[in-house]
N, C-alpha and C. Protein backbone atom coordinates (compact mmCIF):
# COMPACT_ATOMS: atom_id res chain seq x y z
N UNK A 1 -78.01 78.89 -35.34
CA UNK A 1 -78.68 77.63 -34.73
C UNK A 1 -78.63 77.77 -33.23
N UNK A 2 -79.69 77.15 -32.62
CA UNK A 2 -79.90 77.30 -31.20
C UNK A 2 -78.88 76.50 -30.39
N UNK A 3 -78.41 75.43 -30.92
CA UNK A 3 -77.43 74.57 -30.17
C UNK A 3 -75.98 74.90 -30.62
N UNK A 4 -75.10 74.77 -29.62
CA UNK A 4 -73.76 75.05 -29.84
C UNK A 4 -72.84 74.03 -29.22
N UNK A 5 -71.51 74.11 -29.60
CA UNK A 5 -70.65 73.03 -29.07
C UNK A 5 -70.62 73.05 -27.53
N UNK A 6 -70.73 71.81 -27.01
CA UNK A 6 -70.64 71.76 -25.50
C UNK A 6 -72.08 71.87 -24.75
N UNK A 7 -73.06 72.08 -25.47
CA UNK A 7 -74.42 72.14 -24.96
C UNK A 7 -74.87 70.74 -24.35
N UNK A 8 -75.68 70.86 -23.27
CA UNK A 8 -76.25 69.64 -22.75
C UNK A 8 -77.87 69.81 -22.88
N UNK A 9 -78.41 68.98 -23.66
CA UNK A 9 -79.87 69.03 -23.84
C UNK A 9 -80.65 68.08 -23.03
N UNK A 10 -81.64 68.46 -22.33
CA UNK A 10 -82.41 67.58 -21.45
C UNK A 10 -83.83 67.53 -21.97
N UNK A 11 -84.30 66.29 -22.19
CA UNK A 11 -85.73 66.07 -22.61
C UNK A 11 -86.42 65.63 -21.38
N UNK A 12 -87.55 66.38 -21.11
CA UNK A 12 -88.41 66.06 -19.88
C UNK A 12 -89.85 65.85 -20.25
N UNK A 13 -90.48 64.92 -19.54
CA UNK A 13 -91.90 64.82 -19.80
C UNK A 13 -92.35 63.52 -19.27
N UNK A 14 -93.38 62.96 -20.06
CA UNK A 14 -94.12 61.71 -19.64
C UNK A 14 -93.70 60.51 -20.54
N UNK A 15 -94.63 59.65 -20.74
CA UNK A 15 -94.26 58.46 -21.67
C UNK A 15 -93.98 58.78 -22.99
N UNK A 16 -94.52 59.92 -23.60
CA UNK A 16 -94.25 60.23 -24.89
C UNK A 16 -92.70 60.59 -25.07
N UNK A 17 -92.12 61.09 -24.08
CA UNK A 17 -90.64 61.39 -24.07
C UNK A 17 -89.93 60.20 -23.51
N UNK A 18 -90.34 59.50 -22.59
CA UNK A 18 -89.74 58.28 -21.96
C UNK A 18 -89.44 57.33 -23.09
N UNK A 19 -90.57 56.94 -23.80
CA UNK A 19 -90.43 56.07 -24.95
C UNK A 19 -89.51 54.75 -24.79
N UNK A 20 -89.76 54.22 -23.67
CA UNK A 20 -89.11 52.94 -23.30
C UNK A 20 -87.62 52.96 -23.01
N UNK A 21 -87.13 54.09 -22.52
CA UNK A 21 -85.72 54.20 -22.16
C UNK A 21 -85.32 53.28 -21.03
N UNK A 22 -84.10 52.95 -21.00
CA UNK A 22 -83.57 52.11 -19.89
C UNK A 22 -83.22 53.04 -18.79
N UNK A 23 -83.96 53.10 -17.64
CA UNK A 23 -83.71 54.05 -16.63
C UNK A 23 -82.50 53.61 -15.70
N UNK A 24 -81.89 52.49 -16.03
CA UNK A 24 -80.72 52.05 -15.35
C UNK A 24 -79.50 52.66 -16.04
N UNK A 25 -79.70 53.12 -17.28
CA UNK A 25 -78.60 53.73 -18.14
C UNK A 25 -78.96 55.18 -18.22
N UNK A 26 -78.20 56.09 -17.56
CA UNK A 26 -78.56 57.53 -17.64
C UNK A 26 -78.33 58.15 -19.01
N UNK A 27 -77.63 57.46 -19.96
CA UNK A 27 -77.43 58.04 -21.29
C UNK A 27 -78.35 57.43 -22.29
N UNK A 28 -79.28 56.51 -21.93
CA UNK A 28 -80.18 55.88 -22.81
C UNK A 28 -81.33 56.95 -23.13
N UNK A 29 -81.63 57.00 -24.44
CA UNK A 29 -82.58 57.93 -24.87
C UNK A 29 -83.90 57.46 -25.22
N UNK A 30 -84.12 56.03 -25.14
CA UNK A 30 -85.40 55.46 -25.43
C UNK A 30 -85.51 55.26 -26.96
N UNK A 31 -86.75 55.03 -27.44
CA UNK A 31 -86.93 54.70 -28.91
C UNK A 31 -87.75 55.83 -29.53
N UNK A 32 -87.96 56.87 -28.92
CA UNK A 32 -88.88 57.95 -29.44
C UNK A 32 -88.13 59.11 -30.11
N UNK A 33 -88.80 60.24 -29.92
CA UNK A 33 -88.34 61.44 -30.55
C UNK A 33 -86.94 61.94 -29.98
N UNK A 34 -86.67 61.88 -28.73
CA UNK A 34 -85.36 62.11 -28.29
C UNK A 34 -84.22 61.49 -28.95
N UNK A 35 -84.43 60.16 -29.19
CA UNK A 35 -83.38 59.31 -29.87
C UNK A 35 -83.22 59.76 -31.32
N UNK A 36 -84.43 60.08 -31.95
CA UNK A 36 -84.43 60.47 -33.37
C UNK A 36 -83.65 61.82 -33.51
N UNK A 37 -84.00 62.77 -32.55
CA UNK A 37 -83.38 64.02 -32.55
C UNK A 37 -81.85 63.97 -32.51
N UNK A 38 -81.44 63.24 -31.43
CA UNK A 38 -79.95 63.09 -31.19
C UNK A 38 -79.33 62.47 -32.41
N UNK A 39 -79.82 61.36 -32.91
CA UNK A 39 -79.26 60.69 -34.14
C UNK A 39 -79.17 61.61 -35.30
N UNK A 40 -80.22 62.37 -35.63
CA UNK A 40 -80.17 63.22 -36.77
C UNK A 40 -79.29 64.45 -36.54
N UNK A 41 -79.22 64.92 -35.30
CA UNK A 41 -78.32 66.07 -35.07
C UNK A 41 -76.88 65.64 -35.24
N UNK A 42 -76.53 64.48 -34.67
CA UNK A 42 -75.16 63.97 -34.84
C UNK A 42 -74.79 63.84 -36.31
N UNK A 43 -75.68 63.37 -37.07
CA UNK A 43 -75.48 63.16 -38.52
C UNK A 43 -75.23 64.38 -39.30
N UNK A 44 -76.07 65.44 -38.85
CA UNK A 44 -76.08 66.71 -39.54
C UNK A 44 -74.90 67.64 -39.06
N UNK A 45 -74.49 67.47 -37.82
CA UNK A 45 -73.48 68.33 -37.17
C UNK A 45 -72.41 67.46 -36.42
N UNK A 46 -71.66 66.70 -37.14
CA UNK A 46 -70.65 65.78 -36.50
C UNK A 46 -69.54 66.62 -35.87
N UNK A 47 -69.44 67.89 -36.22
CA UNK A 47 -68.29 68.70 -35.71
C UNK A 47 -68.71 69.24 -34.30
N UNK A 48 -69.92 69.10 -33.89
CA UNK A 48 -70.45 69.64 -32.59
C UNK A 48 -70.47 68.51 -31.48
N UNK A 49 -69.95 68.86 -30.36
CA UNK A 49 -70.15 67.89 -29.24
C UNK A 49 -71.29 68.39 -28.42
N UNK A 50 -72.40 67.79 -28.57
CA UNK A 50 -73.62 68.10 -27.84
C UNK A 50 -74.10 66.81 -27.14
N UNK A 51 -74.37 66.91 -25.78
CA UNK A 51 -74.99 65.73 -25.03
C UNK A 51 -76.36 65.83 -24.93
N UNK A 52 -77.10 64.75 -25.22
CA UNK A 52 -78.47 64.58 -25.04
C UNK A 52 -78.94 63.76 -23.91
N UNK A 53 -79.80 64.16 -23.05
CA UNK A 53 -80.27 63.37 -21.88
C UNK A 53 -81.80 63.26 -21.91
N UNK A 54 -82.30 62.08 -21.51
CA UNK A 54 -83.77 61.93 -21.51
C UNK A 54 -84.04 61.46 -20.09
N UNK A 55 -84.98 62.28 -19.45
CA UNK A 55 -85.49 62.00 -18.12
C UNK A 55 -87.01 61.89 -18.04
N UNK A 56 -87.63 61.63 -19.24
CA UNK A 56 -89.01 61.43 -19.25
C UNK A 56 -89.48 60.20 -18.43
N UNK A 57 -90.61 60.28 -17.86
CA UNK A 57 -91.09 59.11 -16.92
C UNK A 57 -92.56 58.91 -17.38
N UNK A 58 -92.83 57.67 -17.81
CA UNK A 58 -94.11 57.30 -18.19
C UNK A 58 -95.08 57.57 -17.03
N UNK A 59 -96.32 58.14 -17.39
CA UNK A 59 -97.35 58.35 -16.34
C UNK A 59 -97.22 59.67 -15.70
N UNK A 60 -96.17 60.39 -15.84
CA UNK A 60 -95.98 61.67 -15.11
C UNK A 60 -96.96 62.72 -15.48
N UNK A 61 -97.33 63.50 -14.44
CA UNK A 61 -98.15 64.75 -14.59
C UNK A 61 -97.16 65.91 -14.27
N UNK A 62 -97.69 67.07 -14.55
CA UNK A 62 -96.74 68.25 -14.19
C UNK A 62 -96.35 68.29 -12.77
N UNK A 63 -97.25 67.79 -11.84
CA UNK A 63 -96.98 67.77 -10.46
C UNK A 63 -95.75 66.85 -10.17
N UNK A 64 -95.61 65.80 -11.02
CA UNK A 64 -94.54 64.81 -10.74
C UNK A 64 -93.16 65.48 -11.25
N UNK A 65 -93.19 66.27 -12.29
CA UNK A 65 -92.03 67.01 -12.68
C UNK A 65 -91.62 67.92 -11.59
N UNK A 66 -92.64 68.62 -11.08
CA UNK A 66 -92.31 69.55 -9.90
C UNK A 66 -91.59 68.85 -8.80
N UNK A 67 -91.97 67.62 -8.42
CA UNK A 67 -91.35 66.95 -7.29
C UNK A 67 -89.96 66.50 -7.59
N UNK A 68 -89.67 66.19 -8.84
CA UNK A 68 -88.35 65.63 -9.18
C UNK A 68 -87.48 66.61 -9.98
N UNK A 69 -87.88 67.96 -10.03
CA UNK A 69 -87.18 68.88 -10.84
C UNK A 69 -85.74 69.19 -10.38
N UNK A 70 -85.51 69.18 -9.11
CA UNK A 70 -84.17 69.40 -8.65
C UNK A 70 -83.18 68.39 -9.09
N UNK A 71 -83.61 67.08 -8.83
CA UNK A 71 -82.81 65.95 -9.22
C UNK A 71 -82.67 65.64 -10.68
N UNK A 72 -83.78 65.69 -11.45
CA UNK A 72 -83.84 65.47 -12.78
C UNK A 72 -83.81 66.57 -13.75
N UNK A 73 -83.48 67.76 -13.23
CA UNK A 73 -83.20 68.88 -14.10
C UNK A 73 -82.04 69.73 -13.56
N UNK A 74 -82.34 70.38 -12.54
CA UNK A 74 -81.34 71.34 -11.98
C UNK A 74 -79.90 70.74 -11.88
N UNK A 75 -79.95 69.61 -11.10
CA UNK A 75 -78.67 68.92 -10.76
C UNK A 75 -77.84 68.52 -12.02
N UNK A 76 -78.65 68.30 -13.09
CA UNK A 76 -77.91 67.84 -14.37
C UNK A 76 -77.23 68.94 -15.19
N UNK A 77 -77.66 70.21 -14.75
CA UNK A 77 -77.12 71.42 -15.31
C UNK A 77 -77.20 71.50 -16.86
N UNK A 78 -78.29 71.16 -17.40
CA UNK A 78 -78.42 71.26 -18.86
C UNK A 78 -78.35 72.74 -19.28
N UNK A 79 -77.99 72.98 -20.54
CA UNK A 79 -77.98 74.33 -21.11
C UNK A 79 -79.25 74.51 -21.99
N UNK A 80 -79.90 73.47 -22.28
CA UNK A 80 -81.18 73.50 -23.09
C UNK A 80 -82.13 72.57 -22.37
N UNK A 81 -83.34 73.01 -21.97
CA UNK A 81 -84.33 72.17 -21.36
C UNK A 81 -85.60 72.15 -22.32
N UNK A 82 -85.91 70.88 -22.75
CA UNK A 82 -87.05 70.66 -23.61
C UNK A 82 -88.08 69.90 -22.84
N UNK A 83 -89.38 70.51 -22.78
CA UNK A 83 -90.47 70.02 -21.96
C UNK A 83 -91.64 69.69 -22.80
N UNK A 84 -92.24 68.35 -22.55
CA UNK A 84 -93.50 68.05 -23.18
C UNK A 84 -94.19 67.27 -22.07
N UNK A 85 -95.23 67.96 -21.45
CA UNK A 85 -95.95 67.42 -20.34
C UNK A 85 -97.47 67.95 -20.38
N UNK A 86 -98.34 67.22 -19.86
CA UNK A 86 -99.70 67.65 -19.70
C UNK A 86 -100.78 66.69 -20.04
N UNK A 87 -100.55 65.73 -21.00
CA UNK A 87 -101.64 64.83 -21.36
C UNK A 87 -102.16 63.91 -20.20
N UNK A 88 -101.18 63.61 -19.36
CA UNK A 88 -101.70 62.77 -18.09
C UNK A 88 -102.56 63.51 -17.12
N UNK A 89 -102.29 64.86 -17.09
CA UNK A 89 -103.06 65.74 -16.25
C UNK A 89 -104.58 65.69 -16.70
N UNK A 90 -104.73 65.48 -18.10
CA UNK A 90 -106.05 65.30 -18.61
C UNK A 90 -106.58 63.81 -18.46
N UNK A 91 -105.68 62.91 -18.81
CA UNK A 91 -106.06 61.46 -18.87
C UNK A 91 -106.58 60.95 -17.49
N UNK A 92 -105.89 61.32 -16.38
CA UNK A 92 -106.28 60.88 -15.06
C UNK A 92 -107.72 61.34 -14.80
N UNK A 93 -108.08 62.42 -15.34
CA UNK A 93 -109.52 62.85 -15.13
C UNK A 93 -110.58 61.82 -15.61
N UNK A 94 -110.20 61.29 -16.73
CA UNK A 94 -111.14 60.39 -17.48
C UNK A 94 -111.03 58.91 -17.05
N UNK A 95 -109.85 58.46 -16.61
CA UNK A 95 -109.67 57.12 -16.32
C UNK A 95 -109.70 56.84 -14.77
N UNK A 96 -109.54 57.91 -13.99
CA UNK A 96 -109.37 57.69 -12.59
C UNK A 96 -110.11 58.79 -11.84
N UNK A 97 -110.91 59.64 -12.39
CA UNK A 97 -111.59 60.74 -11.82
C UNK A 97 -110.69 61.63 -10.87
N UNK A 98 -109.45 61.73 -11.34
CA UNK A 98 -108.53 62.58 -10.65
C UNK A 98 -108.17 63.84 -11.38
N UNK A 99 -108.95 64.86 -11.07
CA UNK A 99 -109.06 66.09 -11.86
C UNK A 99 -107.84 67.03 -11.43
N UNK A 100 -107.22 67.58 -12.52
CA UNK A 100 -106.17 68.62 -12.28
C UNK A 100 -106.78 69.85 -12.84
N UNK A 101 -107.06 70.93 -12.10
CA UNK A 101 -107.61 72.15 -12.68
C UNK A 101 -106.57 72.90 -13.46
N UNK A 102 -107.02 73.78 -14.41
CA UNK A 102 -106.03 74.58 -15.20
C UNK A 102 -105.17 75.40 -14.18
N UNK A 103 -105.82 75.85 -13.13
CA UNK A 103 -105.07 76.67 -12.14
C UNK A 103 -103.95 76.05 -11.52
N UNK A 104 -104.24 74.75 -11.09
CA UNK A 104 -103.23 73.87 -10.41
C UNK A 104 -102.20 73.49 -11.39
N UNK A 105 -102.62 73.20 -12.61
CA UNK A 105 -101.61 72.93 -13.72
C UNK A 105 -100.68 74.01 -13.97
N UNK A 106 -101.29 75.18 -14.04
CA UNK A 106 -100.38 76.39 -14.27
C UNK A 106 -99.46 76.66 -13.07
N UNK A 107 -100.01 76.47 -11.83
CA UNK A 107 -99.11 76.72 -10.62
C UNK A 107 -97.84 75.75 -10.64
N UNK A 108 -98.06 74.46 -10.98
CA UNK A 108 -96.97 73.53 -10.89
C UNK A 108 -96.07 73.79 -12.16
N UNK A 109 -96.63 74.02 -13.30
CA UNK A 109 -95.84 74.36 -14.50
C UNK A 109 -94.95 75.63 -14.34
N UNK A 110 -95.56 76.66 -13.73
CA UNK A 110 -94.84 77.87 -13.45
C UNK A 110 -93.64 77.57 -12.51
N UNK A 111 -93.89 76.82 -11.51
CA UNK A 111 -92.81 76.45 -10.52
C UNK A 111 -91.60 75.91 -11.23
N UNK A 112 -91.75 74.95 -12.16
CA UNK A 112 -90.59 74.33 -12.83
C UNK A 112 -89.92 75.37 -13.80
N UNK A 113 -90.70 76.22 -14.37
CA UNK A 113 -90.04 77.31 -15.23
C UNK A 113 -89.33 78.30 -14.28
N UNK A 114 -89.93 78.67 -13.26
CA UNK A 114 -89.26 79.67 -12.38
C UNK A 114 -87.96 79.09 -11.73
N UNK A 115 -88.13 77.82 -11.41
CA UNK A 115 -86.87 77.16 -10.71
C UNK A 115 -85.77 77.08 -11.84
N UNK A 116 -86.16 76.73 -13.04
CA UNK A 116 -85.17 76.72 -14.13
C UNK A 116 -84.53 77.98 -14.32
N UNK A 117 -85.30 79.01 -14.45
CA UNK A 117 -84.83 80.47 -14.75
C UNK A 117 -83.85 80.90 -13.54
N UNK A 118 -84.23 80.52 -12.34
CA UNK A 118 -83.46 80.95 -11.24
C UNK A 118 -82.27 80.19 -11.06
N UNK A 119 -82.09 78.95 -11.41
CA UNK A 119 -80.94 78.19 -11.09
C UNK A 119 -80.06 77.80 -12.40
N UNK A 120 -80.58 78.07 -13.42
CA UNK A 120 -79.78 77.69 -14.70
C UNK A 120 -79.86 78.81 -15.74
N UNK A 121 -78.72 78.88 -16.48
CA UNK A 121 -78.65 79.80 -17.66
C UNK A 121 -79.04 78.94 -18.85
N UNK A 122 -80.27 78.53 -18.91
CA UNK A 122 -80.64 77.47 -19.97
C UNK A 122 -81.69 78.03 -20.85
N UNK A 123 -81.60 77.65 -22.13
CA UNK A 123 -82.73 77.92 -23.01
C UNK A 123 -83.79 76.88 -22.79
N UNK A 124 -85.00 77.34 -22.86
CA UNK A 124 -86.26 76.42 -22.55
C UNK A 124 -87.04 76.23 -23.85
N UNK A 125 -87.28 75.05 -24.21
CA UNK A 125 -88.14 74.75 -25.35
C UNK A 125 -89.40 74.05 -24.79
N UNK A 126 -90.55 74.54 -25.03
CA UNK A 126 -91.85 74.00 -24.61
C UNK A 126 -92.58 73.55 -25.71
N UNK A 127 -93.08 72.24 -25.66
CA UNK A 127 -93.94 71.66 -26.55
C UNK A 127 -95.36 71.50 -25.97
N UNK A 128 -96.42 71.92 -26.57
CA UNK A 128 -97.79 71.84 -25.99
C UNK A 128 -98.20 70.37 -26.11
N UNK A 129 -98.90 69.92 -25.08
CA UNK A 129 -99.54 68.51 -25.17
C UNK A 129 -100.54 68.38 -26.25
N UNK A 130 -100.74 67.17 -26.68
CA UNK A 130 -101.67 66.98 -27.81
C UNK A 130 -102.52 65.70 -27.52
N UNK A 131 -103.66 65.65 -28.23
CA UNK A 131 -104.45 64.43 -28.27
C UNK A 131 -105.08 64.34 -29.69
N UNK A 132 -105.16 63.13 -30.20
CA UNK A 132 -105.81 62.92 -31.47
C UNK A 132 -107.05 62.16 -31.24
N UNK A 133 -108.11 62.30 -32.21
CA UNK A 133 -109.46 61.78 -31.84
C UNK A 133 -109.56 60.25 -32.15
N UNK A 134 -108.60 59.46 -31.66
CA UNK A 134 -108.70 58.01 -31.75
C UNK A 134 -108.26 57.39 -30.38
N UNK A 135 -109.13 56.52 -29.78
CA UNK A 135 -110.49 56.18 -30.22
C UNK A 135 -111.46 57.32 -30.08
N UNK A 136 -112.73 57.01 -30.21
CA UNK A 136 -113.74 58.04 -30.32
C UNK A 136 -113.82 58.85 -28.95
N UNK A 137 -113.61 58.27 -27.80
CA UNK A 137 -113.70 58.96 -26.56
C UNK A 137 -112.72 60.11 -26.32
N UNK A 138 -111.60 60.02 -27.17
CA UNK A 138 -110.66 61.04 -27.00
C UNK A 138 -111.13 62.44 -27.34
N UNK A 139 -112.21 62.48 -28.10
CA UNK A 139 -112.86 63.78 -28.54
C UNK A 139 -113.30 64.48 -27.21
N UNK A 140 -113.88 63.75 -26.24
CA UNK A 140 -114.26 64.38 -25.01
C UNK A 140 -113.18 65.03 -24.24
N UNK A 141 -111.95 64.57 -24.43
CA UNK A 141 -110.79 65.09 -23.73
C UNK A 141 -110.52 66.52 -23.99
N UNK A 142 -110.93 67.09 -25.11
CA UNK A 142 -110.67 68.42 -25.48
C UNK A 142 -111.15 69.41 -24.45
N UNK A 143 -112.29 69.06 -23.82
CA UNK A 143 -112.82 69.90 -22.78
C UNK A 143 -111.84 70.18 -21.67
N UNK A 144 -111.07 69.09 -21.27
CA UNK A 144 -110.14 69.23 -20.18
C UNK A 144 -108.77 69.67 -20.73
N UNK A 145 -108.44 69.23 -21.88
CA UNK A 145 -107.02 69.49 -22.41
C UNK A 145 -106.87 70.94 -22.99
N UNK A 146 -107.82 71.44 -23.67
CA UNK A 146 -107.69 72.71 -24.34
C UNK A 146 -107.31 73.89 -23.36
N UNK A 147 -108.01 73.94 -22.09
CA UNK A 147 -107.52 74.98 -21.21
C UNK A 147 -106.03 74.82 -20.71
N UNK A 148 -105.59 73.58 -20.63
CA UNK A 148 -104.21 73.42 -20.24
C UNK A 148 -103.24 73.76 -21.43
N UNK A 149 -103.68 73.57 -22.65
CA UNK A 149 -102.91 73.96 -23.77
C UNK A 149 -102.74 75.49 -23.74
N UNK A 150 -103.86 76.18 -23.44
CA UNK A 150 -103.72 77.68 -23.38
C UNK A 150 -102.81 78.08 -22.25
N UNK A 151 -102.75 77.36 -21.19
CA UNK A 151 -101.91 77.68 -20.10
C UNK A 151 -100.37 77.52 -20.55
N UNK A 152 -100.16 76.46 -21.24
CA UNK A 152 -98.81 76.19 -21.81
C UNK A 152 -98.40 77.34 -22.80
N UNK A 153 -99.29 77.75 -23.66
CA UNK A 153 -98.93 78.77 -24.56
C UNK A 153 -98.67 80.15 -23.84
N UNK A 154 -99.50 80.41 -22.81
CA UNK A 154 -99.29 81.66 -22.09
C UNK A 154 -97.98 81.64 -21.35
N UNK A 155 -97.69 80.55 -20.70
CA UNK A 155 -96.35 80.43 -20.05
C UNK A 155 -95.18 80.58 -20.95
N UNK A 156 -95.34 79.95 -22.13
CA UNK A 156 -94.27 80.06 -23.03
C UNK A 156 -94.01 81.47 -23.37
N UNK A 157 -95.11 82.31 -23.64
CA UNK A 157 -94.88 83.64 -24.00
C UNK A 157 -94.27 84.45 -22.74
N UNK A 158 -94.79 84.20 -21.57
CA UNK A 158 -94.35 84.94 -20.31
C UNK A 158 -92.90 84.69 -20.04
N UNK A 159 -92.46 83.39 -20.22
CA UNK A 159 -91.11 83.04 -19.88
C UNK A 159 -90.23 83.10 -21.19
N UNK A 160 -90.68 83.64 -22.23
CA UNK A 160 -89.85 83.77 -23.50
C UNK A 160 -89.23 82.53 -23.88
N UNK A 161 -89.96 81.38 -23.77
CA UNK A 161 -89.37 80.11 -24.10
C UNK A 161 -89.66 79.94 -25.66
N UNK A 162 -88.85 79.04 -26.24
CA UNK A 162 -89.16 78.54 -27.54
C UNK A 162 -90.25 77.67 -27.55
N UNK A 163 -91.14 77.69 -28.57
CA UNK A 163 -92.34 77.04 -28.47
C UNK A 163 -92.73 76.24 -29.75
N UNK A 164 -93.24 75.02 -29.52
CA UNK A 164 -93.73 74.16 -30.54
C UNK A 164 -95.12 73.83 -30.38
N UNK A 165 -96.05 74.29 -31.31
CA UNK A 165 -97.50 74.07 -31.09
C UNK A 165 -97.96 72.68 -31.57
N UNK A 166 -97.54 71.76 -30.74
CA UNK A 166 -97.60 70.34 -31.14
C UNK A 166 -99.07 69.84 -31.42
N UNK A 167 -99.95 70.32 -30.64
CA UNK A 167 -101.32 69.93 -30.80
C UNK A 167 -101.91 70.28 -32.26
N UNK A 168 -101.54 71.53 -32.63
CA UNK A 168 -102.01 71.90 -33.87
C UNK A 168 -101.18 71.21 -35.08
N UNK A 169 -99.91 70.91 -34.76
CA UNK A 169 -99.16 70.18 -35.81
C UNK A 169 -99.63 68.82 -36.03
N UNK A 170 -99.93 68.14 -34.97
CA UNK A 170 -100.39 66.74 -35.09
C UNK A 170 -101.79 66.70 -35.75
N UNK A 171 -102.61 67.70 -35.49
CA UNK A 171 -103.93 67.77 -36.05
C UNK A 171 -103.82 68.00 -37.63
N UNK A 172 -102.89 68.82 -38.00
CA UNK A 172 -102.64 69.14 -39.42
C UNK A 172 -102.15 67.88 -40.11
N UNK A 173 -101.22 67.10 -39.53
CA UNK A 173 -100.78 65.79 -40.19
C UNK A 173 -101.92 64.88 -40.23
N UNK A 174 -102.88 64.99 -39.29
CA UNK A 174 -104.05 63.97 -39.33
C UNK A 174 -105.05 64.39 -40.35
N UNK A 175 -104.84 65.44 -41.13
CA UNK A 175 -105.72 65.69 -42.28
C UNK A 175 -105.14 64.98 -43.55
N UNK A 176 -103.90 64.53 -43.49
CA UNK A 176 -103.31 63.90 -44.61
C UNK A 176 -103.32 62.38 -44.49
N UNK A 177 -103.22 61.89 -43.22
CA UNK A 177 -103.31 60.41 -42.98
C UNK A 177 -104.29 60.34 -41.67
N UNK A 178 -104.85 59.13 -41.60
CA UNK A 178 -105.67 58.82 -40.42
C UNK A 178 -104.97 59.11 -39.15
N UNK A 179 -105.65 59.69 -38.15
CA UNK A 179 -104.92 60.05 -36.83
C UNK A 179 -104.18 58.92 -36.26
N UNK A 180 -104.74 57.66 -36.39
CA UNK A 180 -104.19 56.49 -35.73
C UNK A 180 -102.80 56.16 -36.40
N UNK A 181 -102.56 56.66 -37.58
CA UNK A 181 -101.24 56.43 -38.24
C UNK A 181 -100.20 57.17 -37.40
N UNK A 182 -100.52 58.31 -36.81
CA UNK A 182 -99.53 59.10 -36.03
C UNK A 182 -99.43 58.71 -34.56
N UNK A 183 -100.65 58.29 -34.06
CA UNK A 183 -100.76 57.86 -32.60
C UNK A 183 -101.91 57.05 -32.54
N UNK A 184 -101.72 55.68 -32.29
CA UNK A 184 -102.64 54.67 -32.35
C UNK A 184 -103.67 54.78 -31.33
N UNK A 185 -103.35 55.36 -30.15
CA UNK A 185 -104.36 55.57 -29.16
C UNK A 185 -104.62 57.03 -28.89
N UNK A 186 -104.34 57.89 -29.87
CA UNK A 186 -104.52 59.41 -29.72
C UNK A 186 -103.49 59.99 -28.87
N UNK A 187 -102.67 59.30 -28.15
CA UNK A 187 -101.69 59.89 -27.20
C UNK A 187 -100.24 59.46 -27.55
N UNK A 188 -100.01 58.17 -27.64
CA UNK A 188 -98.63 57.74 -27.77
C UNK A 188 -98.18 57.65 -29.21
N UNK A 189 -97.30 58.44 -29.65
CA UNK A 189 -96.95 58.47 -31.13
C UNK A 189 -96.50 57.16 -31.62
N UNK A 190 -96.80 56.84 -32.81
CA UNK A 190 -96.16 55.76 -33.57
C UNK A 190 -94.73 56.19 -33.93
N UNK A 191 -94.02 55.35 -34.59
CA UNK A 191 -92.68 55.81 -35.16
C UNK A 191 -92.88 57.01 -35.97
N UNK A 192 -93.85 57.06 -36.87
CA UNK A 192 -94.00 58.20 -37.66
C UNK A 192 -94.43 59.43 -36.89
N UNK A 193 -95.16 59.25 -35.85
CA UNK A 193 -95.54 60.39 -34.98
C UNK A 193 -94.33 60.94 -34.26
N UNK A 194 -93.49 60.02 -33.74
CA UNK A 194 -92.25 60.52 -33.08
C UNK A 194 -91.33 61.27 -34.12
N UNK A 195 -91.39 60.76 -35.39
CA UNK A 195 -90.62 61.51 -36.37
C UNK A 195 -91.11 62.94 -36.64
N UNK A 196 -92.44 63.06 -36.54
CA UNK A 196 -92.99 64.44 -36.68
C UNK A 196 -92.45 65.40 -35.59
N UNK A 197 -92.49 64.93 -34.31
CA UNK A 197 -92.01 65.70 -33.19
C UNK A 197 -90.49 66.03 -33.40
N UNK A 198 -89.76 65.04 -33.76
CA UNK A 198 -88.31 65.26 -33.99
C UNK A 198 -88.04 66.29 -35.09
N UNK A 199 -88.82 66.13 -36.16
CA UNK A 199 -88.67 67.08 -37.26
C UNK A 199 -88.99 68.52 -36.86
N UNK A 200 -89.97 68.72 -36.05
CA UNK A 200 -90.43 70.02 -35.69
C UNK A 200 -89.35 70.60 -34.75
N UNK A 201 -88.93 69.71 -33.84
CA UNK A 201 -87.92 70.19 -32.88
C UNK A 201 -86.65 70.66 -33.64
N UNK A 202 -86.15 69.84 -34.55
CA UNK A 202 -84.97 70.21 -35.32
C UNK A 202 -85.18 71.37 -36.10
N UNK A 203 -86.33 71.54 -36.67
CA UNK A 203 -86.55 72.78 -37.46
C UNK A 203 -86.53 73.97 -36.62
N UNK A 204 -86.94 73.86 -35.33
CA UNK A 204 -87.01 75.00 -34.49
C UNK A 204 -85.60 75.37 -34.17
N UNK A 205 -84.67 74.48 -33.78
CA UNK A 205 -83.37 74.80 -33.42
C UNK A 205 -82.58 75.41 -34.55
N UNK A 206 -82.94 74.95 -35.80
CA UNK A 206 -82.32 75.41 -36.91
C UNK A 206 -82.59 76.89 -37.32
N UNK A 207 -83.88 77.25 -36.83
CA UNK A 207 -84.34 78.56 -37.13
C UNK A 207 -83.75 79.70 -36.28
N UNK A 208 -83.09 79.33 -35.22
CA UNK A 208 -82.54 80.33 -34.35
C UNK A 208 -81.03 80.27 -34.21
């Protein structure tokens, strides 16, 4: 298994990771997949002392992670870093005409990965960003998001990170139930959507 006694797991990202956490309480995990993962892990492995931290911030883009990576990652000294970022880099293009090129996205994402490798002896788990086709205009987002997903996949391979192909996974589940069942606005998971992410994350750590 990927986790061992004494590990410190850090979840990083945007609102999908933030999930309403109390930022005044550094130990609060919010109501989303980080909380589900921690709760299930403790139930399955009560013999292990593993600390889970959530530093996701709603609205963040990869450039925001870059700016706060020292304080909100390196200084916390995690032994496992789990990252889910990218959908806001696409969203701001459509709601605010604030475009992030794939090249700039890669530059900033590479920065946080290089800084992590240089300063920490940590395992890295990368989840690709996703969007589901609800409402209808989300279908247009694929033009912007797909190149960024390819960037994330390539960086995962280059940095030998553990990888969860979340966009494909969410699309697969959306063939069984309406996409809105998993993410009512195509971006923010419902409880069931968060459970998918948690399940895939726990399956990954169990496989190694």
